[in-house]
């Protein structure tokens, strides 16, 4: 599902509201499969909802820590041994994500701030894919990355769709939405104004 609109139309706030970062003024965000109500990001995480924000460096990553710590942040339940996280298990987990996402880096211990924009975005995607998320809210997921990585991201998103992952693609770029979406909702002034089917 694509969400289209200008930057100040409410599209970015919609993504944050669905993930539980902004409280809705009216109504509620409900996961159809389980009936769970998403009141905060903790509930979203528990219900396998992933959020890839527009501002990667300030909202999605801890720049001054390693790739390993960044990808493990959403997978503590998966990695923990009773009351602690095994460093060996964490490094192995990070290594698998680096390999599957083809992240160009020295190793899993490298600080995220040293990576290129495209590789940073791969870390963001990797931390949610490694967590076995089923619903993805993607806010401008190809913003600020070069054409080669952008093409790889589109292929990845298409593969996720084929794997029956639910994807909410928020973008200010209409060609991106037309190319990727099965259905597009257009927002203006915080209201859905139109719907276009593929």
C-alpha atoms as a PDB file:
ATOM      1  CA  UNK A   1       0.000   0.000   0.000  1.00  0.00           C
ATOM      2  CA  UNK A   2       1.497   3.320  -1.097  1.00  0.00           C
ATOM      3  CA  UNK A   3       0.843   6.574   0.736  1.00  0.00           C
ATOM      4  CA  UNK A   4       1.355   9.677  -1.390  1.00  0.00           C
ATOM      5  CA  UNK A   5       1.307  13.373  -0.569  1.00  0.00           C
ATOM      6  CA  UNK A   6       3.403  16.450  -0.015  1.00  0.00           C
ATOM      7  CA  UNK A   7       5.764  16.570   2.968  1.00  0.00           C
ATOM      8  CA  UNK A   8       3.313  18.525   5.161  1.00  0.00           C
ATOM      9  CA  UNK A   9       0.197  16.523   4.183  1.00  0.00           C
ATOM     10  CA  UNK A  10       0.360  14.192   7.197  1.00  0.00           C
ATOM     11  CA  UNK A  11       1.941  11.179   5.458  1.00  0.00           C
ATOM     12  CA  UNK A  12       4.934  11.026   7.821  1.00  0.00           C
ATOM     13  CA  UNK A  13       2.767  11.469  10.913  1.00  0.00           C
ATOM     14  CA  UNK A  14       0.544   8.619   9.693  1.00  0.00           C
ATOM     15  CA  UNK A  15       3.512   6.224   9.689  1.00  0.00           C
ATOM     16  CA  UNK A  16       4.542   7.261  13.202  1.00  0.00           C
ATOM     17  CA  UNK A  17       0.969   6.886  14.457  1.00  0.00           C
ATOM     18  CA  UNK A  18       0.626   3.349  13.067  1.00  0.00           C
ATOM     19  CA  UNK A  19       3.906   2.387  14.803  1.00  0.00           C
ATOM     20  CA  UNK A  20       2.714   3.877  18.099  1.00  0.00           C
ATOM     21  CA  UNK A  21       5.095   6.856  18.252  1.00  0.00           C
ATOM     22  CA  UNK A  22       2.228   9.374  18.015  1.00  0.00           C
ATOM     23  CA  UNK A  23      -1.036   8.853  19.874  1.00  0.00           C
ATOM     24  CA  UNK A  24      -4.076   9.078  17.569  1.00  0.00           C
ATOM     25  CA  UNK A  25      -6.511  11.887  18.400  1.00  0.00           C
ATOM     26  CA  UNK A  26      -9.435   9.568  17.615  1.00  0.00           C
ATOM     27  CA  UNK A  27      -9.739   5.904  16.735  1.00  0.00           C
ATOM     28  CA  UNK A  28      -7.115   3.207  17.244  1.00  0.00           C
ATOM     29  CA  UNK A  29      -4.503   1.231  15.335  1.00  0.00           C
ATOM     30  CA  UNK A  30      -5.465  -2.455  15.392  1.00  0.00           C
ATOM     31  CA  UNK A  31      -3.600  -5.475  14.032  1.00  0.00           C
ATOM     32  CA  UNK A  32      -6.235  -7.378  12.054  1.00  0.00           C
ATOM     33  CA  UNK A  33      -4.593 -10.791  12.521  1.00  0.00           C
ATOM     34  CA  UNK A  34      -4.464 -10.664  16.335  1.00  0.00           C
ATOM     35  CA  UNK A  35      -6.879  -7.891  17.286  1.00  0.00           C
ATOM     36  CA  UNK A  36      -4.092  -6.199  19.273  1.00  0.00           C
ATOM     37  CA  UNK A  37      -4.280  -2.423  19.684  1.00  0.00           C
ATOM     38  CA  UNK A  38      -1.002  -0.567  19.049  1.00  0.00           C
ATOM     39  CA  UNK A  39      -0.710   2.009  21.837  1.00  0.00           C
ATOM     40  CA  UNK A  40       3.077   2.415  21.690  1.00  0.00           C
ATOM     41  CA  UNK A  41       6.187   1.221  19.861  1.00  0.00           C
ATOM     42  CA  UNK A  42       6.683  -1.627  22.344  1.00  0.00           C
ATOM     43  CA  UNK A  43       3.294  -3.044  21.324  1.00  0.00           C
ATOM     44  CA  UNK A  44       4.232  -2.569  17.653  1.00  0.00           C
ATOM     45  CA  UNK A  45       7.480  -4.490  18.164  1.00  0.00           C
ATOM     46  CA  UNK A  46       5.625  -7.292  19.963  1.00  0.00           C
ATOM     47  CA  UNK A  47       3.189  -7.541  17.023  1.00  0.00           C
ATOM     48  CA  UNK A  48       6.006  -7.843  14.458  1.00  0.00           C
ATOM     49  CA  UNK A  49       5.582  -4.318  13.087  1.00  0.00           C
ATOM     50  CA  UNK A  50       8.720  -2.647  11.705  1.00  0.00           C
ATOM     51  CA  UNK A  51       9.256   1.088  11.174  1.00  0.00           C
ATOM     52  CA  UNK A  52      11.822   2.508   8.773  1.00  0.00           C
ATOM     53  CA  UNK A  53      11.701   6.292   9.353  1.00  0.00           C
ATOM     54  CA  UNK A  54      12.446   9.111   6.927  1.00  0.00           C
ATOM     55  CA  UNK A  55      15.381  10.437   8.955  1.00  0.00           C
ATOM     56  CA  UNK A  56      17.702   7.445   9.117  1.00  0.00           C
ATOM     57  CA  UNK A  57      20.573   9.011  11.097  1.00  0.00           C
ATOM     58  CA  UNK A  58      18.458  10.624  13.813  1.00  0.00           C
ATOM     59  CA  UNK A  59      15.538   8.197  14.175  1.00  0.00           C
ATOM     60  CA  UNK A  60      16.630   4.723  13.034  1.00  0.00           C
ATOM     61  CA  UNK A  61      20.264   4.239  14.041  1.00  0.00           C
ATOM     62  CA  UNK A  62      22.676   4.601  16.941  1.00  0.00           C
ATOM     63  CA  UNK A  63      25.516   6.098  14.906  1.00  0.00           C
ATOM     64  CA  UNK A  64      28.257   5.841  17.532  1.00  0.00           C
ATOM     65  CA  UNK A  65      27.868   2.123  18.181  1.00  0.00           C
ATOM     66  CA  UNK A  66      28.547  -0.987  16.111  1.00  0.00           C
ATOM     67  CA  UNK A  67      26.506  -2.620  13.376  1.00  0.00           C
ATOM     68  CA  UNK A  68      26.132  -5.596  15.712  1.00  0.00           C
ATOM     69  CA  UNK A  69      24.506  -3.512  18.467  1.00  0.00           C
ATOM     70  CA  UNK A  70      22.242  -1.716  15.982  1.00  0.00           C
ATOM     71  CA  UNK A  71      20.815  -4.893  14.446  1.00  0.00           C
ATOM     72  CA  UNK A  72      20.462  -6.623  17.824  1.00  0.00           C
ATOM     73  CA  UNK A  73      18.352  -3.834  19.350  1.00  0.00           C
ATOM     74  CA  UNK A  74      15.113  -5.234  17.892  1.00  0.00           C
ATOM     75  CA  UNK A  75      16.002  -8.888  18.511  1.00  0.00           C
ATOM     76  CA  UNK A  76      16.775  -9.134  22.236  1.00  0.00           C
ATOM     77  CA  UNK A  77      13.930 -11.605  22.774  1.00  0.00           C
ATOM     78  CA  UNK A  78      15.396 -13.779  20.039  1.00  0.00           C
ATOM     79  CA  UNK A  79      18.993 -13.484  21.301  1.00  0.00           C
ATOM     80  CA  UNK A  80      18.680 -13.539  25.070  1.00  0.00           C
ATOM     81  CA  UNK A  81      19.795 -16.457  27.217  1.00  0.00           C
ATOM     82  CA  UNK A  82      17.682 -16.255  30.382  1.00  0.00           C
ATOM     83  CA  UNK A  83      18.789 -12.761  31.578  1.00  0.00           C
ATOM     84  CA  UNK A  84      21.643 -11.808  29.270  1.00  0.00           C
ATOM     85  CA  UNK A  85      22.642 -11.583  25.613  1.00  0.00           C
ATOM     86  CA  UNK A  86      25.446 -13.840  24.481  1.00  0.00           C
ATOM     87  CA  UNK A  87      28.038 -11.684  22.648  1.00  0.00           C
ATOM     88  CA  UNK A  88      28.966 -14.672  20.503  1.00  0.00           C
ATOM     89  CA  UNK A  89      25.334 -15.197  19.495  1.00  0.00           C
ATOM     90  CA  UNK A  90      24.905 -11.461  18.829  1.00  0.00           C
ATOM     91  CA  UNK A  91      27.995 -11.345  16.579  1.00  0.00           C
ATOM     92  CA  UNK A  92      26.839 -14.446  14.675  1.00  0.00           C
ATOM     93  CA  UNK A  93      23.377 -12.900  14.241  1.00  0.00           C
ATOM     94  CA  UNK A  94      24.901  -9.623  12.979  1.00  0.00           C
ATOM     95  CA  UNK A  95      27.209 -11.534  10.630  1.00  0.00           C
ATOM     96  CA  UNK A  96      24.228 -13.289   9.040  1.00  0.00           C
ATOM     97  CA  UNK A  97      22.461  -9.941   8.485  1.00  0.00           C
ATOM     98  CA  UNK A  98      25.617  -8.363   7.000  1.00  0.00           C
ATOM     99  CA  UNK A  99      25.909 -11.293   4.593  1.00  0.00           C
ATOM    100  CA  UNK A 100      22.228 -11.453   3.594  1.00  0.00           C
ATOM    101  CA  UNK A 101      21.945  -7.660   3.147  1.00  0.00           C
ATOM    102  CA  UNK A 102      25.384  -7.411   1.467  1.00  0.00           C
ATOM    103  CA  UNK A 103      26.457  -4.589   3.786  1.00  0.00           C
ATOM    104  CA  UNK A 104      29.880  -3.250   2.824  1.00  0.00           C
ATOM    105  CA  UNK A 105      31.843  -2.955   6.085  1.00  0.00           C
ATOM    106  CA  UNK A 106      35.025  -4.118   7.861  1.00  0.00           C
ATOM    107  CA  UNK A 107      33.088  -6.379  10.232  1.00  0.00           C
ATOM    108  CA  UNK A 108      30.126  -6.369  12.637  1.00  0.00           C
ATOM    109  CA  UNK A 109      32.126  -4.305  15.159  1.00  0.00           C
ATOM    110  CA  UNK A 110      32.422  -1.305  12.823  1.00  0.00           C
ATOM    111  CA  UNK A 111      30.587   1.852  13.933  1.00  0.00           C
ATOM    112  CA  UNK A 112      27.528   2.643  11.825  1.00  0.00           C
ATOM    113  CA  UNK A 113      28.587   6.292  11.411  1.00  0.00           C
ATOM    114  CA  UNK A 114      31.520   5.108   9.248  1.00  0.00           C
ATOM    115  CA  UNK A 115      29.205   3.514   6.653  1.00  0.00           C
ATOM    116  CA  UNK A 116      27.845   5.076   3.454  1.00  0.00           C
ATOM    117  CA  UNK A 117      24.184   6.177   3.325  1.00  0.00           C
ATOM    118  CA  UNK A 118      23.149   3.080   1.380  1.00  0.00           C
ATOM    119  CA  UNK A 119      24.879   0.700   3.787  1.00  0.00           C
ATOM    120  CA  UNK A 120      23.346   2.503   6.772  1.00  0.00           C
ATOM    121  CA  UNK A 121      19.926   1.934   5.212  1.00  0.00           C
ATOM    122  CA  UNK A 122      20.749  -1.745   4.734  1.00  0.00           C
ATOM    123  CA  UNK A 123      21.482  -1.929   8.487  1.00  0.00           C
ATOM    124  CA  UNK A 124      18.052  -0.388   9.171  1.00  0.00           C
ATOM    125  CA  UNK A 125      16.310  -2.934   6.916  1.00  0.00           C
ATOM    126  CA  UNK A 126      18.441  -5.762   8.316  1.00  0.00           C
ATOM    127  CA  UNK A 127      17.523  -5.114  11.943  1.00  0.00           C
ATOM    128  CA  UNK A 128      13.829  -5.542  11.106  1.00  0.00           C
ATOM    129  CA  UNK A 129      14.186  -8.467   8.688  1.00  0.00           C
ATOM    130  CA  UNK A 130      16.342 -10.311  11.228  1.00  0.00           C
ATOM    131  CA  UNK A 131      13.588  -9.781  13.779  1.00  0.00           C
ATOM    132  CA  UNK A 132      11.105 -11.658  11.516  1.00  0.00           C
ATOM    133  CA  UNK A 133       8.833  -8.616  11.211  1.00  0.00           C
ATOM    134  CA  UNK A 134       5.657  -9.129   9.188  1.00  0.00           C
ATOM    135  CA  UNK A 135       4.327  -5.580   8.769  1.00  0.00           C
ATOM    136  CA  UNK A 136       6.692  -2.906   7.427  1.00  0.00           C
ATOM    137  CA  UNK A 137       6.063   0.836   7.594  1.00  0.00           C
ATOM    138  CA  UNK A 138       8.605   2.403   5.228  1.00  0.00           C
ATOM    139  CA  UNK A 139       8.846   6.197   5.227  1.00  0.00           C
ATOM    140  CA  UNK A 140      10.920   7.342   2.219  1.00  0.00           C
ATOM    141  CA  UNK A 141      13.090   4.185   2.358  1.00  0.00           C
ATOM    142  CA  UNK A 142      15.293   5.156  -0.615  1.00  0.00           C
ATOM    143  CA  UNK A 143      15.928   8.756   0.452  1.00  0.00           C
ATOM    144  CA  UNK A 144      19.570   9.834   0.229  1.00  0.00           C
ATOM    145  CA  UNK A 145      20.991   6.654  -1.292  1.00  0.00           C
ATOM    146  CA  UNK A 146      22.674   6.170  -4.668  1.00  0.00           C
ATOM    147  CA  UNK A 147      20.973   4.635  -7.697  1.00  0.00           C
ATOM    148  CA  UNK A 148      22.674   1.227  -7.353  1.00  0.00           C
ATOM    149  CA  UNK A 149      21.555   0.725  -3.734  1.00  0.00           C
ATOM    150  CA  UNK A 150      18.131   2.164  -4.579  1.00  0.00           C
ATOM    151  CA  UNK A 151      17.664  -0.525  -7.250  1.00  0.00           C
ATOM    152  CA  UNK A 152      18.740  -3.225  -4.747  1.00  0.00           C
ATOM    153  CA  UNK A 153      16.237  -1.838  -2.207  1.00  0.00           C
ATOM    154  CA  UNK A 154      13.397  -2.013  -4.732  1.00  0.00           C
ATOM    155  CA  UNK A 155      14.274  -5.651  -5.473  1.00  0.00           C
ATOM    156  CA  UNK A 156      14.347  -6.374  -1.725  1.00  0.00           C
ATOM    157  CA  UNK A 157      10.951  -4.721  -1.168  1.00  0.00           C
ATOM    158  CA  UNK A 158       9.497  -6.697  -4.089  1.00  0.00           C
ATOM    159  CA  UNK A 159      10.905  -9.926  -2.626  1.00  0.00           C
ATOM    160  CA  UNK A 160       9.357  -9.058   0.756  1.00  0.00           C
ATOM    161  CA  UNK A 161       6.000  -8.560  -0.976  1.00  0.00           C
ATOM    162  CA  UNK A 162       6.312 -11.995  -2.599  1.00  0.00           C
ATOM    163  CA  UNK A 163       6.997 -13.431   0.877  1.00  0.00           C
ATOM    164  CA  UNK A 164       3.614 -12.011   1.975  1.00  0.00           C
ATOM    165  CA  UNK A 165       5.051  -9.244   4.143  1.00  0.00           C
ATOM    166  CA  UNK A 166       2.613  -6.342   4.504  1.00  0.00           C
ATOM    167  CA  UNK A 167       4.244  -3.116   3.316  1.00  0.00           C
ATOM    168  CA  UNK A 168       3.065   0.454   3.849  1.00  0.00           C
ATOM    169  CA  UNK A 169       5.250   2.571   1.553  1.00  0.00           C
ATOM    170  CA  UNK A 170       5.167   6.289   2.373  1.00  0.00           C
ATOM    171  CA  UNK A 171       6.857   8.481  -0.219  1.00  0.00           C
ATOM    172  CA  UNK A 172       6.947  11.992  -1.630  1.00  0.00           C
ATOM    173  CA  UNK A 173       8.171  10.522  -4.945  1.00  0.00           C
ATOM    174  CA  UNK A 174       5.241   9.564  -7.164  1.00  0.00           C
ATOM    175  CA  UNK A 175       7.300   7.451  -9.656  1.00  0.00           C
ATOM    176  CA  UNK A 176       8.523   5.330  -6.715  1.00  0.00           C
ATOM    177  CA  UNK A 177       4.973   4.723  -5.512  1.00  0.00           C
ATOM    178  CA  UNK A 178       3.625   3.980  -9.008  1.00  0.00           C
ATOM    179  CA  UNK A 179       6.459   1.515  -9.610  1.00  0.00           C
ATOM    180  CA  UNK A 180       6.142  -0.314  -6.278  1.00  0.00           C
ATOM    181  CA  UNK A 181       2.522  -0.156  -5.096  1.00  0.00           C
ATOM    182  CA  UNK A 182      -0.531  -2.338  -5.685  1.00  0.00           C
ATOM    183  CA  UNK A 183      -2.725   0.474  -4.339  1.00  0.00           C
ATOM    184  CA  UNK A 184      -2.046   4.156  -3.588  1.00  0.00           C
ATOM    185  CA  UNK A 185      -3.826   6.469  -1.160  1.00  0.00           C
ATOM    186  CA  UNK A 186      -3.306  10.216  -1.667  1.00  0.00           C
ATOM    187  CA  UNK A 187      -3.277  12.466   1.407  1.00  0.00           C
ATOM    188  CA  UNK A 188      -3.795  16.222   1.671  1.00  0.00           C
ATOM    189  CA  UNK A 189      -4.223  18.258   4.862  1.00  0.00           C
ATOM    190  CA  UNK A 190      -4.161  15.080   6.979  1.00  0.00           C
ATOM    191  CA  UNK A 191      -7.074  13.481   5.093  1.00  0.00           C
ATOM    192  CA  UNK A 192      -7.115  10.660   2.521  1.00  0.00           C
ATOM    193  CA  UNK A 193      -8.432  12.364  -0.620  1.00  0.00           C
ATOM    194  CA  UNK A 194      -8.211   9.631  -3.277  1.00  0.00           C
ATOM    195  CA  UNK A 195      -7.421   5.966  -3.917  1.00  0.00           C
ATOM    196  CA  UNK A 196      -5.813   4.504  -7.041  1.00  0.00           C
ATOM    197  CA  UNK A 197      -5.530   0.783  -7.748  1.00  0.00           C
ATOM    198  CA  UNK A 198      -2.830  -0.773  -9.904  1.00  0.00           C
END
